Amino acid sequence: MSADPPADDDHVEVRLRLAGRALDEGYRAFAEERLFRYGLAGGVRVEPGAREATIVARGPAALVDMLEVACLLGPARSLVESCVSEDATLGTALA
C-alpha cells in the first residue's frame, strides 16, 4: 500500500523579512543551503549594510516553519533581532 503524495493544499508561500546584525553573504549562503536541504523553492536576498535579509520560500508548511526557525537562529556570527513573516507570491517576492 502506498501513501498518497501530499496535496498542494499543504504548501505555503512565505516571505520572511529579517533584521539584525551580520546578515551578509555568509547569512545568505546559510539560508540558501537550508532552502536546498529542506527541498523548498525560493530565494534569499541580503541588503547592503548586512542589517536586513529577505527570504522567500514555498513548500510544505512544516518545512517552511523549520526554515523560519533555522533562519531565526542563523549561523553563529549572525544575530537576528526581528522577523516578519507574510504570505508571498514567488513570482514577485524578491523583485
PDB file of N, CA and C in Angstrom:
ATOM      1  N   MET A   1       0.847  -1.167   0.000  1.00  0.00           N
ATOM      2  CA  MET A   1       0.000   0.000   0.000  1.00  0.00           C
ATOM      3  C   MET A   1       0.900   1.241   0.000  1.00  0.00           C
ATOM      4  N   SER A   2       0.659   2.135  -0.916  1.00  0.00           N
ATOM      5  CA  SER A   2       1.489   3.331  -0.988  1.00  0.00           C
ATOM      6  C   SER A   2       0.722   4.540  -0.471  1.00  0.00           C
ATOM      7  N   ALA A   3       1.461   5.444   0.116  1.00  0.00           N
ATOM      8  CA  ALA A   3       0.851   6.671   0.635  1.00  0.00           C
ATOM      9  C   ALA A   3       0.660   7.653  -0.513  1.00  0.00           C
ATOM     10  N   ASP A   4      -0.418   8.401  -0.434  1.00  0.00           N
ATOM     11  CA  ASP A   4      -0.653   9.433  -1.433  1.00  0.00           C
ATOM     12  C   ASP A   4       0.333  10.571  -1.223  1.00  0.00           C
ATOM     13  N   PRO A   5       0.815  11.202  -2.308  1.00  0.00           N
ATOM     14  CA  PRO A   5       1.695  12.350  -2.136  1.00  0.00           C
ATOM     15  C   PRO A   5       0.925  13.485  -1.467  1.00  0.00           C
ATOM     16  N   PRO A   6       1.634  14.365  -0.748  1.00  0.00           N
ATOM     17  CA  PRO A   6       0.935  15.458  -0.086  1.00  0.00           C
ATOM     18  C   PRO A   6       0.210  16.336  -1.098  1.00  0.00           C
ATOM     19  N   ALA A   7      -0.957  16.783  -0.725  1.00  0.00           N
ATOM     20  CA  ALA A   7      -1.724  17.678  -1.592  1.00  0.00           C
ATOM     21  C   ALA A   7      -1.046  19.030  -1.648  1.00  0.00           C
ATOM     22  N   ASP A   8      -1.212  19.716  -2.777  1.00  0.00           N
ATOM     23  CA  ASP A   8      -0.624  21.039  -2.915  1.00  0.00           C
ATOM     24  C   ASP A   8      -1.224  22.017  -1.902  1.00  0.00           C
ATOM     25  N   ASP A   9      -2.376  21.644  -1.318  1.00  0.00           N
ATOM     26  CA  ASP A   9      -3.001  22.478  -0.296  1.00  0.00           C
ATOM     27  C   ASP A   9      -2.110  22.599   0.935  1.00  0.00           C
ATOM     28  N   ASP A  10      -1.218  21.635   1.140  1.00  0.00           N
ATOM     29  CA  ASP A  10      -0.309  21.653   2.282  1.00  0.00           C
ATOM     30  C   ASP A  10       0.840  22.630   2.064  1.00  0.00           C
ATOM     31  N   HIS A  11       0.961  23.168   0.847  1.00  0.00           N
ATOM     32  CA  HIS A  11       2.067  24.066   0.527  1.00  0.00           C
ATOM     33  C   HIS A  11       1.703  25.511   0.850  1.00  0.00           C
ATOM     34  N   VAL A  12       2.703  26.247   1.283  1.00  0.00           N
ATOM     35  CA  VAL A  12       2.544  27.676   1.578  1.00  0.00           C
ATOM     36  C   VAL A  12       3.650  28.445   0.878  1.00  0.00           C
ATOM     37  N   GLU A  13       3.425  29.714   0.669  1.00  0.00           N
ATOM     38  CA  GLU A  13       4.440  30.631   0.144  1.00  0.00           C
ATOM     39  C   GLU A  13       4.606  31.740   1.174  1.00  0.00           C
ATOM     40  N   VAL A  14       5.811  31.912   1.643  1.00  0.00           N
ATOM     41  CA  VAL A  14       6.069  32.842   2.736  1.00  0.00           C
ATOM     42  C   VAL A  14       7.248  33.747   2.392  1.00  0.00           C
ATOM     43  N   ARG A  15       7.148  34.997   2.807  1.00  0.00           N
ATOM     44  CA  ARG A  15       8.265  35.944   2.731  1.00  0.00           C
ATOM     45  C   ARG A  15       8.668  36.265   4.169  1.00  0.00           C
ATOM     46  N   LEU A  16       9.939  36.053   4.491  1.00  0.00           N
ATOM     47  CA  LEU A  16      10.487  36.402   5.799  1.00  0.00           C
ATOM     48  C   LEU A  16      11.335  37.650   5.635  1.00  0.00           C
ATOM     49  N   ARG A  17      11.040  38.668   6.406  1.00  0.00           N
ATOM     50  CA  ARG A  17      11.846  39.888   6.404  1.00  0.00           C
ATOM     51  C   ARG A  17      12.562  39.933   7.749  1.00  0.00           C
ATOM     52  N   LEU A  18      13.881  39.792   7.681  1.00  0.00           N
ATOM     53  CA  LEU A  18      14.679  39.714   8.891  1.00  0.00           C
ATOM     54  C   LEU A  18      15.544  40.950   9.048  1.00  0.00           C
ATOM     55  N   ALA A  19      15.746  41.351  10.289  1.00  0.00           N
ATOM     56  CA  ALA A  19      16.648  42.458  10.592  1.00  0.00           C
ATOM     57  C   ALA A  19      17.553  42.015  11.730  1.00  0.00           C
ATOM     58  N   GLY A  20      18.775  42.523  11.704  1.00  0.00           N
ATOM     59  CA  GLY A  20      19.719  42.157  12.753  1.00  0.00           C
ATOM     60  C   GLY A  20      21.122  42.578  12.397  1.00  0.00           C
ATOM     61  N   ARG A  21      22.081  41.795  12.886  1.00  0.00           N
ATOM     62  CA  ARG A  21      23.490  42.090  12.634  1.00  0.00           C
ATOM     63  C   ARG A  21      24.148  40.930  11.893  1.00  0.00           C
ATOM     64  N   ALA A  22      25.070  41.278  11.028  1.00  0.00           N
ATOM     65  CA  ALA A  22      25.847  40.314  10.228  1.00  0.00           C
ATOM     66  C   ALA A  22      24.946  39.460   9.338  1.00  0.00           C
ATOM     67  N   LEU A  23      23.906  40.085   8.770  1.00  0.00           N
ATOM     68  CA  LEU A  23      23.051  39.395   7.796  1.00  0.00           C
ATOM     69  C   LEU A  23      23.648  39.667   6.411  1.00  0.00           C
ATOM     70  N   ASP A  24      24.777  39.039   6.173  1.00  0.00           N
ATOM     71  CA  ASP A  24      25.602  39.310   4.999  1.00  0.00           C
ATOM     72  C   ASP A  24      25.601  38.126   4.054  1.00  0.00           C
ATOM     73  N   GLU A  25      26.596  38.049   3.191  1.00  0.00           N
ATOM     74  CA  GLU A  25      26.680  36.950   2.224  1.00  0.00           C
ATOM     75  C   GLU A  25      26.815  35.593   2.912  1.00  0.00           C
ATOM     76  N   GLY A  26      27.452  35.557   4.072  1.00  0.00           N
ATOM     77  CA  GLY A  26      27.525  34.305   4.833  1.00  0.00           C
ATOM     78  C   GLY A  26      26.143  33.855   5.286  1.00  0.00           C
ATOM     79  N   TYR A  27      25.325  34.811   5.700  1.00  0.00           N
ATOM     80  CA  TYR A  27      23.957  34.507   6.099  1.00  0.00           C
ATOM     81  C   TYR A  27      23.149  34.043   4.886  1.00  0.00           C
ATOM     82  N   ARG A  28      23.345  34.723   3.752  1.00  0.00           N
ATOM     83  CA  ARG A  28      22.657  34.330   2.526  1.00  0.00           C
ATOM     84  C   ARG A  28      22.976  32.881   2.169  1.00  0.00           C
ATOM     85  N   ALA A  29      24.253  32.517   2.227  1.00  0.00           N
ATOM     86  CA  ALA A  29      24.662  31.151   1.910  1.00  0.00           C
ATOM     87  C   ALA A  29      24.032  30.151   2.889  1.00  0.00           C
ATOM     88  N   PHE A  30      23.999  30.513   4.164  1.00  0.00           N
ATOM     89  CA  PHE A  30      23.373  29.673   5.186  1.00  0.00           C
ATOM     90  C   PHE A  30      21.896  29.431   4.849  1.00  0.00           C
ATOM     91  N   ALA A  31      21.161  30.506   4.554  1.00  0.00           N
ATOM     92  CA  ALA A  31      19.729  30.398   4.272  1.00  0.00           C
ATOM     93  C   ALA A  31      19.480  29.625   2.976  1.00  0.00           C
ATOM     94  N   GLU A  32      20.288  29.865   1.944  1.00  0.00           N
ATOM     95  CA  GLU A  32      20.127  29.133   0.685  1.00  0.00           C
ATOM     96  C   GLU A  32      20.380  27.642   0.881  1.00  0.00           C
ATOM     97  N   GLU A  33      21.350  27.305   1.702  1.00  0.00           N
ATOM     98  CA  GLU A  33      21.638  25.898   1.963  1.00  0.00           C
ATOM     99  C   GLU A  33      20.458  25.246   2.680  1.00  0.00           C
ATOM    100  N   ARG A  34      19.816  25.971   3.583  1.00  0.00           N
ATOM    101  CA  ARG A  34      18.637  25.436   4.270  1.00  0.00           C
ATOM    102  C   ARG A  34      17.467  25.266   3.300  1.00  0.00           C
ATOM    103  N   LEU A  35      17.257  26.213   2.415  1.00  0.00           N
ATOM    104  CA  LEU A  35      16.219  26.049   1.401  1.00  0.00           C
ATOM    105  C   LEU A  35      16.447  24.749   0.624  1.00  0.00           C
ATOM    106  N   PHE A  36      17.685  24.539   0.178  1.00  0.00           N
ATOM    107  CA  PHE A  36      18.033  23.338  -0.586  1.00  0.00           C
ATOM    108  C   PHE A  36      17.849  22.082   0.267  1.00  0.00           C
ATOM    109  N   ARG A  37      18.358  22.120   1.496  1.00  0.00           N
ATOM    110  CA  ARG A  37      18.296  20.951   2.386  1.00  0.00           C
ATOM    111  C   ARG A  37      16.859  20.522   2.644  1.00  0.00           C
ATOM    112  N   TYR A  38      15.954  21.487   2.800  1.00  0.00           N
ATOM    113  CA  TYR A  38      14.553  21.177   3.088  1.00  0.00           C
ATOM    114  C   TYR A  38      13.727  20.976   1.820  1.00  0.00           C
ATOM    115  N   GLY A  39      14.346  21.109   0.657  1.00  0.00           N
ATOM    116  CA  GLY A  39      13.646  20.877  -0.604  1.00  0.00           C
ATOM    117  C   GLY A  39      12.610  21.942  -0.929  1.00  0.00           C
ATOM    118  N   LEU A  40      12.866  23.169  -0.504  1.00  0.00           N
ATOM    119  CA  LEU A  40      11.936  24.271  -0.723  1.00  0.00           C
ATOM    120  C   LEU A  40      12.334  25.094  -1.939  1.00  0.00           C
ATOM    121  N   ALA A  41      11.356  25.656  -2.617  1.00  0.00           N
ATOM    122  CA  ALA A  41      11.614  26.606  -3.694  1.00  0.00           C
ATOM    123  C   ALA A  41      11.742  27.981  -3.056  1.00  0.00           C
ATOM    124  N   GLY A  42      12.507  28.862  -3.686  1.00  0.00           N
ATOM    125  CA  GLY A  42      12.598  30.224  -3.167  1.00  0.00           C
ATOM    126  C   GLY A  42      13.948  30.848  -3.392  1.00  0.00           C
ATOM    127  N   GLY A  43      14.244  31.853  -2.595  1.00  0.00           N
ATOM    128  CA  GLY A  43      15.497  32.568  -2.738  1.00  0.00           C
ATOM    129  C   GLY A  43      15.759  33.465  -1.543  1.00  0.00           C
ATOM    130  N   VAL A  44      16.964  34.018  -1.542  1.00  0.00           N
ATOM    131  CA  VAL A  44      17.414  34.858  -0.429  1.00  0.00           C
ATOM    132  C   VAL A  44      18.069  36.103  -0.998  1.00  0.00           C
ATOM    133  N   ARG A  45      17.775  37.232  -0.384  1.00  0.00           N
ATOM    134  CA  ARG A  45      18.446  38.484  -0.750  1.00  0.00           C
ATOM    135  C   ARG A  45      18.884  39.169   0.525  1.00  0.00           C
ATOM    136  N   VAL A  46      20.140  39.609   0.551  1.00  0.00           N
ATOM    137  CA  VAL A  46      20.634  40.412   1.672  1.00  0.00           C
ATOM    138  C   VAL A  46      20.826  41.833   1.178  1.00  0.00           C
ATOM    139  N   GLU A  47      20.516  42.777   2.036  1.00  0.00           N
ATOM    140  CA  GLU A  47      20.627  44.181   1.676  1.00  0.00           C
ATOM    141  C   GLU A  47      22.024  44.693   1.989  1.00  0.00           C
ATOM    142  N   PRO A  48      22.478  45.703   1.245  1.00  0.00           N
ATOM    143  CA  PRO A  48      23.768  46.316   1.558  1.00  0.00           C
ATOM    144  C   PRO A  48      23.762  46.809   3.009  1.00  0.00           C
ATOM    145  N   GLY A  49      24.868  46.633   3.679  1.00  0.00           N
ATOM    146  CA  GLY A  49      24.966  47.041   5.074  1.00  0.00           C
ATOM    147  C   GLY A  49      24.791  45.884   6.040  1.00  0.00           C
ATOM    148  N   ALA A  50      24.378  44.723   5.548  1.00  0.00           N
ATOM    149  CA  ALA A  50      24.269  43.493   6.328  1.00  0.00           C
ATOM    150  C   ALA A  50      23.331  43.616   7.527  1.00  0.00           C
ATOM    151  N   ARG A  51      22.296  44.468   7.408  1.00  0.00           N
ATOM    152  CA  ARG A  51      21.341  44.627   8.512  1.00  0.00           C
ATOM    153  C   ARG A  51      19.973  44.017   8.195  1.00  0.00           C
ATOM    154  N   GLU A  52      19.705  43.705   6.925  1.00  0.00           N
ATOM    155  CA  GLU A  52      18.402  43.162   6.540  1.00  0.00           C
ATOM    156  C   GLU A  52      18.562  42.052   5.508  1.00  0.00           C
ATOM    157  N   ALA A  53      17.664  41.078   5.604  1.00  0.00           N
ATOM    158  CA  ALA A  53      17.618  39.985   4.628  1.00  0.00           C
ATOM    159  C   ALA A  53      16.159  39.653   4.357  1.00  0.00           C
ATOM    160  N   THR A  54      15.899  39.195   3.150  1.00  0.00           N
ATOM    161  CA  THR A  54      14.566  38.734   2.766  1.00  0.00           C
ATOM    162  C   THR A  54      14.702  37.318   2.235  1.00  0.00           C
ATOM    163  N   ILE A  55      13.863  36.439   2.752  1.00  0.00           N
ATOM    164  CA  ILE A  55      13.855  35.047   2.321  1.00  0.00           C
ATOM    165  C   ILE A  55      12.447  34.727   1.844  1.00  0.00           C
ATOM    166  N   VAL A  56      12.360  34.106   0.684  1.00  0.00           N
ATOM    167  CA  VAL A  56      11.084  33.655   0.151  1.00  0.00           C
ATOM    168  C   VAL A  56      11.163  32.145   0.039  1.00  0.00           C
ATOM    169  N   ALA A  57      10.103  31.468   0.512  1.00  0.00           N
ATOM    170  CA  ALA A  57      10.104  30.006   0.476  1.00  0.00           C
ATOM    171  C   ALA A  57       8.717  29.491   0.125  1.00  0.00           C
ATOM    172  N   ARG A  58       8.702  28.410  -0.656  1.00  0.00           N
ATOM    173  CA  ARG A  58       7.454  27.727  -0.982  1.00  0.00           C
ATOM    174  C   ARG A  58       7.660  26.241  -0.819  1.00  0.00           C
ATOM    175  N   GLY A  59       6.711  25.617  -0.123  1.00  0.00           N
ATOM    176  CA  GLY A  59       6.771  24.179   0.076  1.00  0.00           C
ATOM    177  C   GLY A  59       5.827  23.772   1.181  1.00  0.00           C
ATOM    178  N   PRO A  60       5.977  22.543   1.653  1.00  0.00           N
ATOM    179  CA  PRO A  60       5.117  22.072   2.734  1.00  0.00           C
ATOM    180  C   PRO A  60       5.242  22.980   3.968  1.00  0.00           C
ATOM    181  N   ALA A  61       4.101  23.274   4.583  1.00  0.00           N
ATOM    182  CA  ALA A  61       4.067  24.218   5.704  1.00  0.00           C
ATOM    183  C   ALA A  61       5.047  23.839   6.815  1.00  0.00           C
ATOM    184  N   ALA A  62       5.141  22.570   7.151  1.00  0.00           N
ATOM    185  CA  ALA A  62       6.036  22.152   8.238  1.00  0.00           C
ATOM    186  C   ALA A  62       7.494  22.451   7.902  1.00  0.00           C
ATOM    187  N   LEU A  63       7.893  22.255   6.645  1.00  0.00           N
ATOM    188  CA  LEU A  63       9.274  22.531   6.250  1.00  0.00           C
ATOM    189  C   LEU A  63       9.545  24.032   6.188  1.00  0.00           C
ATOM    190  N   VAL A  64       8.567  24.809   5.762  1.00  0.00           N
ATOM    191  CA  VAL A  64       8.734  26.263   5.771  1.00  0.00           C
ATOM    192  C   VAL A  64       8.873  26.751   7.209  1.00  0.00           C
ATOM    193  N   ASP A  65       8.119  26.167   8.133  1.00  0.00           N
ATOM    194  CA  ASP A  65       8.266  26.515   9.550  1.00  0.00           C
ATOM    195  C   ASP A  65       9.667  26.169  10.059  1.00  0.00           C
ATOM    196  N   MET A  66      10.182  25.008   9.644  1.00  0.00           N
ATOM    197  CA  MET A  66      11.544  24.625  10.035  1.00  0.00           C
ATOM    198  C   MET A  66      12.564  25.626   9.509  1.00  0.00           C
ATOM    199  N   LEU A  67      12.371  26.070   8.276  1.00  0.00           N
ATOM    200  CA  LEU A  67      13.265  27.068   7.688  1.00  0.00           C
ATOM    201  C   LEU A  67      13.245  28.343   8.517  1.00  0.00           C
ATOM    202  N   GLU A  68      12.056  28.792   8.899  1.00  0.00           N
ATOM    203  CA  GLU A  68      11.957  30.022   9.680  1.00  0.00           C
ATOM    204  C   GLU A  68      12.719  29.894  10.998  1.00  0.00           C
ATOM    205  N   VAL A  69      12.574  28.778  11.687  1.00  0.00           N
ATOM    206  CA  VAL A  69      13.297  28.571  12.944  1.00  0.00           C
ATOM    207  C   VAL A  69      14.804  28.573  12.694  1.00  0.00           C
ATOM    208  N   ALA A  70      15.248  27.850  11.669  1.00  0.00           N
ATOM    209  CA  ALA A  70      16.682  27.791  11.364  1.00  0.00           C
ATOM    210  C   ALA A  70      17.231  29.179  11.056  1.00  0.00           C
ATOM    211  N   CYS A  71      16.467  29.969  10.295  1.00  0.00           N
ATOM    212  CA  CYS A  71      16.942  31.294   9.906  1.00  0.00           C
ATOM    213  C   CYS A  71      16.894  32.280  11.069  1.00  0.00           C
ATOM    214  N   LEU A  72      15.992  32.077  12.016  1.00  0.00           N
ATOM    215  CA  LEU A  72      15.994  32.902  13.225  1.00  0.00           C
ATOM    216  C   LEU A  72      17.243  32.627  14.049  1.00  0.00           C
ATOM    217  N   LEU A  73      17.638  31.369  14.126  1.00  0.00           N
ATOM    218  CA  LEU A  73      18.851  31.017  14.852  1.00  0.00           C
ATOM    219  C   LEU A  73      20.087  31.428  14.066  1.00  0.00           C
ATOM    220  N   GLY A  74      20.052  31.200  12.758  1.00  0.00           N
ATOM    221  CA  GLY A  74      21.121  31.627  11.859  1.00  0.00           C
ATOM    222  C   GLY A  74      22.466  31.013  12.154  1.00  0.00           C
ATOM    223  N   PRO A  75      23.470  31.399  11.367  1.00  0.00           N
ATOM    224  CA  PRO A  75      24.837  30.965  11.659  1.00  0.00           C
ATOM    225  C   PRO A  75      25.344  31.689  12.912  1.00  0.00           C
ATOM    226  N   ALA A  76      26.368  31.155  13.530  1.00  0.00           N
ATOM    227  CA  ALA A  76      26.848  31.665  14.826  1.00  0.00           C
ATOM    228  C   ALA A  76      27.198  33.151  14.811  1.00  0.00           C
ATOM    229  N   ARG A  77      27.718  33.664  13.723  1.00  0.00           N
ATOM    230  CA  ARG A  77      28.164  35.061  13.720  1.00  0.00           C
ATOM    231  C   ARG A  77      27.058  36.068  13.418  1.00  0.00           C
ATOM    232  N   SER A  78      25.865  35.583  13.070  1.00  0.00           N
ATOM    233  CA  SER A  78      24.743  36.468  12.773  1.00  0.00           C
ATOM    234  C   SER A  78      23.816  36.556  13.979  1.00  0.00           C
ATOM    235  N   LEU A  79      23.127  37.682  14.090  1.00  0.00           N
ATOM    236  CA  LEU A  79      22.141  37.864  15.151  1.00  0.00           C
ATOM    237  C   LEU A  79      20.869  38.433  14.532  1.00  0.00           C
ATOM    238  N   VAL A  80      19.812  37.633  14.511  1.00  0.00           N
ATOM    239  CA  VAL A  80      18.525  38.091  14.009  1.00  0.00           C
ATOM    240  C   VAL A  80      17.786  38.729  15.178  1.00  0.00           C
ATOM    241  N   GLU A  81      17.431  40.008  15.019  1.00  0.00           N
ATOM    242  CA  GLU A  81      16.753  40.742  16.084  1.00  0.00           C
ATOM    243  C   GLU A  81      15.250  40.813  15.864  1.00  0.00           C
ATOM    244  N   SER A  82      14.801  40.702  14.608  1.00  0.00           N
ATOM    245  CA  SER A  82      13.369  40.688  14.326  1.00  0.00           C
ATOM    246  C   SER A  82      13.105  39.939  13.033  1.00  0.00           C
ATOM    247  N   CYS A  83      11.885  39.393  12.953  1.00  0.00           N
ATOM    248  CA  CYS A  83      11.470  38.654  11.762  1.00  0.00           C
ATOM    249  C   CYS A  83       9.979  38.881  11.565  1.00  0.00           C
ATOM    250  N   VAL A  84       9.613  39.269  10.356  1.00  0.00           N
ATOM    251  CA  VAL A  84       8.216  39.406   9.977  1.00  0.00           C
ATOM    252  C   VAL A  84       7.948  38.370   8.900  1.00  0.00           C
ATOM    253  N   SER A  85       6.932  37.552   9.117  1.00  0.00           N
ATOM    254  CA  SER A  85       6.555  36.517   8.165  1.00  0.00           C
ATOM    255  C   SER A  85       5.228  36.910   7.531  1.00  0.00           C
ATOM    256  N   GLU A  86       5.169  36.827   6.183  1.00  0.00           N
ATOM    257  CA  GLU A  86       3.938  37.183   5.487  1.00  0.00           C
ATOM    258  C   GLU A  86       3.747  36.280   4.287  1.00  0.00           C
ATOM    259  N   ASP A  87       2.497  36.161   3.848  1.00  0.00           N
ATOM    260  CA  ASP A  87       2.216  35.392   2.631  1.00  0.00           C
ATOM    261  C   ASP A  87       2.926  36.063   1.463  1.00  0.00           C
ATOM    262  N   ALA A  88       3.355  35.247   0.514  1.00  0.00           N
ATOM    263  CA  ALA A  88       4.098  35.782  -0.631  1.00  0.00           C
ATOM    264  C   ALA A  88       3.702  35.036  -1.899  1.00  0.00           C
ATOM    265  N   THR A  89       3.995  35.648  -3.007  1.00  0.00           N
ATOM    266  CA  THR A  89       3.895  35.023  -4.313  1.00  0.00           C
ATOM    267  C   THR A  89       5.308  34.972  -4.853  1.00  0.00           C
ATOM    268  N   LEU A  90       5.818  33.776  -5.120  1.00  0.00           N
ATOM    269  CA  LEU A  90       7.221  33.644  -5.531  1.00  0.00           C
ATOM    270  C   LEU A  90       7.584  34.512  -6.720  1.00  0.00           C
ATOM    271  N   GLY A  91       6.671  34.717  -7.639  1.00  0.00           N
ATOM    272  CA  GLY A  91       6.981  35.473  -8.833  1.00  0.00           C
ATOM    273  C   GLY A  91       7.360  36.921  -8.575  1.00  0.00           C
ATOM    274  N   THR A  92       6.905  37.489  -7.481  1.00  0.00           N
ATOM    275  CA  THR A  92       7.170  38.900  -7.216  1.00  0.00           C
ATOM    276  C   THR A  92       7.888  39.134  -5.896  1.00  0.00           C
ATOM    277  N   ALA A  93       8.133  38.104  -5.129  1.00  0.00           N
ATOM    278  CA  ALA A  93       8.603  38.284  -3.763  1.00  0.00           C
ATOM    279  C   ALA A  93       9.984  38.916  -3.652  1.00  0.00           C
ATOM    280  N   LEU A  94      10.909  38.600  -4.530  1.00  0.00           N
ATOM    281  CA  LEU A  94      12.255  39.156  -4.431  1.00  0.00           C
ATOM    282  C   LEU A  94      12.532  40.170  -5.530  1.00  0.00           C
ATOM    283  N   ALA A  95      11.497  40.628  -6.209  1.00  0.00           N
ATOM    284  CA  ALA A  95      11.673  41.599  -7.300  1.00  0.00           C
ATOM    285  C   ALA A  95      12.012  42.971  -6.753  1.00  0.00           C
TER     286      ALA A  95
END
